[in-house]
Amino acid sequence: MDCLFCKLVKGEIPAQIIYRDDLVIAFDDISPKAPHHKLIVPHKHIATLNELHPEDNELIGHMVLTAKKLAKNLNIDEKGYRLVLNCNEQAGQTVFHIHLHLLGGRVLTWPPG
């Protein structure tokens, strides 16, 4: 498999990991859309949200709770932040390994483009 995020998880590609546990890693997005733009990526390879199964419930919940923890650490939890999961190309997914975007540090408008 030639998945960029799998390689990051395995340490085959260097990255500034800001958080790691048994289920996920988190790091800065290389093309940030906000002052704080982090990606929360599961160790388990799941290409798109369409491939989630009931046994992935805990993993998805853990990704969201990790984002909450990071938002607090970044001091953006009180002013506000956005979480985004893209599914497939028309939604903006460019790496086909699910990942949760955590964005904050500025006013985020709606709708997002």
Protein backbone atom coordinates (compact mmCIF):
# COMPACT_ATOMS: atom_id res chain seq x y z
CA MET A 1 0.00 0.00 0.00
CA ASP A 2 1.31 3.43 -0.90
CA CYS A 3 -0.66 5.52 1.59
CA LEU A 4 0.98 8.76 2.77
CA PHE A 5 -0.71 8.70 6.17
CA CYS A 6 0.10 5.02 6.77
CA LYS A 7 3.75 5.91 6.14
CA LEU A 8 3.51 8.80 8.64
CA VAL A 9 1.93 6.52 11.25
CA LYS A 10 4.74 3.97 10.77
CA GLY A 11 7.43 6.67 10.98
CA GLU A 12 8.60 6.04 7.41
CA ILE A 13 8.06 9.72 6.57
CA PRO A 14 9.15 12.42 9.03
CA ALA A 15 6.49 14.66 10.52
CA GLN A 16 6.11 16.99 13.47
CA ILE A 17 3.80 14.76 15.48
CA ILE A 18 2.04 16.83 18.13
CA TYR A 19 0.08 13.93 19.63
CA ARG A 20 0.27 10.14 19.49
CA ASP A 21 -1.50 7.33 21.29
CA ASP A 22 -2.45 3.72 20.51
CA LEU A 23 -5.19 4.74 18.05
CA VAL A 24 -4.26 8.07 16.43
CA ILE A 25 -1.55 10.56 15.59
CA ALA A 26 -1.96 14.32 15.10
CA PHE A 27 0.19 16.79 13.22
CA ASP A 28 0.06 20.15 11.44
CA ASP A 29 -1.63 20.29 8.04
CA ILE A 30 0.96 21.13 5.36
CA SER A 31 -1.48 23.56 3.72
CA PRO A 32 -3.16 25.26 6.69
CA LYS A 33 -6.50 27.01 6.25
CA ALA A 34 -6.43 28.59 9.72
CA PRO A 35 -3.76 29.61 12.25
CA HIS A 36 -4.32 26.24 13.93
CA HIS A 37 -4.95 23.46 11.41
CA LYS A 38 -4.21 19.99 12.74
CA LEU A 39 -4.96 16.57 11.30
CA ILE A 40 -6.01 13.68 13.51
CA VAL A 41 -5.26 10.42 11.69
CA PRO A 42 -6.07 6.90 12.86
CA HIS A 43 -3.37 4.25 12.79
CA LYS A 44 -5.88 1.93 11.10
CA HIS A 45 -6.14 2.47 7.35
CA ILE A 46 -9.68 3.31 6.31
CA ALA A 47 -9.74 4.99 2.90
CA THR A 48 -13.02 6.94 3.18
CA LEU A 49 -15.90 7.41 5.58
CA ASN A 50 -17.89 5.09 3.31
CA GLU A 51 -15.67 2.23 4.50
CA LEU A 52 -16.45 2.68 8.20
CA HIS A 53 -18.00 -0.28 10.03
CA PRO A 54 -19.82 -0.49 13.37
CA GLU A 55 -16.59 -1.71 15.00
CA ASP A 56 -15.04 1.68 14.12
CA ASN A 57 -17.43 3.59 16.42
CA GLU A 58 -14.88 3.81 19.21
CA LEU A 59 -12.15 4.96 16.83
CA ILE A 60 -14.24 7.81 15.39
CA GLY A 61 -15.30 8.89 18.86
CA HIS A 62 -11.67 8.79 19.97
CA MET A 63 -10.68 11.01 17.02
CA VAL A 64 -13.26 13.63 18.08
CA LEU A 65 -12.22 13.48 21.73
CA THR A 66 -8.58 13.85 20.67
CA ALA A 67 -9.53 16.96 18.68
CA LYS A 68 -11.28 18.35 21.77
CA LYS A 69 -8.12 17.74 23.84
CA LEU A 70 -5.92 19.41 21.23
CA ALA A 71 -8.29 22.40 21.01
CA LYS A 72 -7.95 22.88 24.75
CA ASN A 73 -4.14 22.58 24.55
CA LEU A 74 -4.11 25.19 21.76
CA ASN A 75 -6.38 27.54 23.79
CA ILE A 76 -9.01 27.63 21.04
CA ASP A 77 -11.62 25.59 22.88
CA GLU A 78 -13.43 28.58 24.42
CA LYS A 79 -13.47 30.89 21.36
CA GLY A 80 -14.36 28.09 18.96
CA TYR A 81 -13.01 25.61 16.47
CA ARG A 82 -14.25 23.50 13.58
CA LEU A 83 -13.94 19.78 12.91
CA VAL A 84 -14.15 18.52 9.33
CA LEU A 85 -14.22 15.04 7.80
CA ASN A 86 -14.16 15.01 3.98
CA CYS A 87 -15.39 12.00 2.01
CA ASN A 88 -14.13 11.54 -1.56
CA GLU A 89 -12.84 14.00 -4.13
CA GLN A 90 -15.85 16.30 -4.56
CA ALA A 91 -15.83 16.94 -0.82
CA GLY A 92 -12.14 17.82 -0.87
CA GLN A 93 -10.53 14.56 0.26
CA THR A 94 -7.04 14.37 -1.24
CA VAL A 95 -5.44 11.68 0.93
CA PHE A 96 -7.48 8.50 0.98
CA HIS A 97 -6.98 7.58 4.61
CA ILE A 98 -9.65 9.12 6.83
CA HIS A 99 -8.51 12.12 8.84
CA LEU A 100 -10.19 14.73 10.98
CA HIS A 101 -9.30 18.39 10.43
CA LEU A 102 -9.17 20.61 13.51
CA LEU A 103 -9.27 24.30 12.53
CA GLY A 104 -9.24 27.35 14.79
CA GLY A 105 -7.51 30.54 15.76
CA ARG A 106 -9.64 32.84 13.58
CA VAL A 107 -13.28 33.49 12.73
CA LEU A 108 -14.44 30.65 10.50
CA THR A 109 -17.19 31.64 8.08
CA TRP A 110 -20.16 29.61 6.85
CA PRO A 111 -20.71 28.13 4.43
CA PRO A 112 -17.15 26.94 3.99
CA GLY A 113 -16.44 27.11 0.20
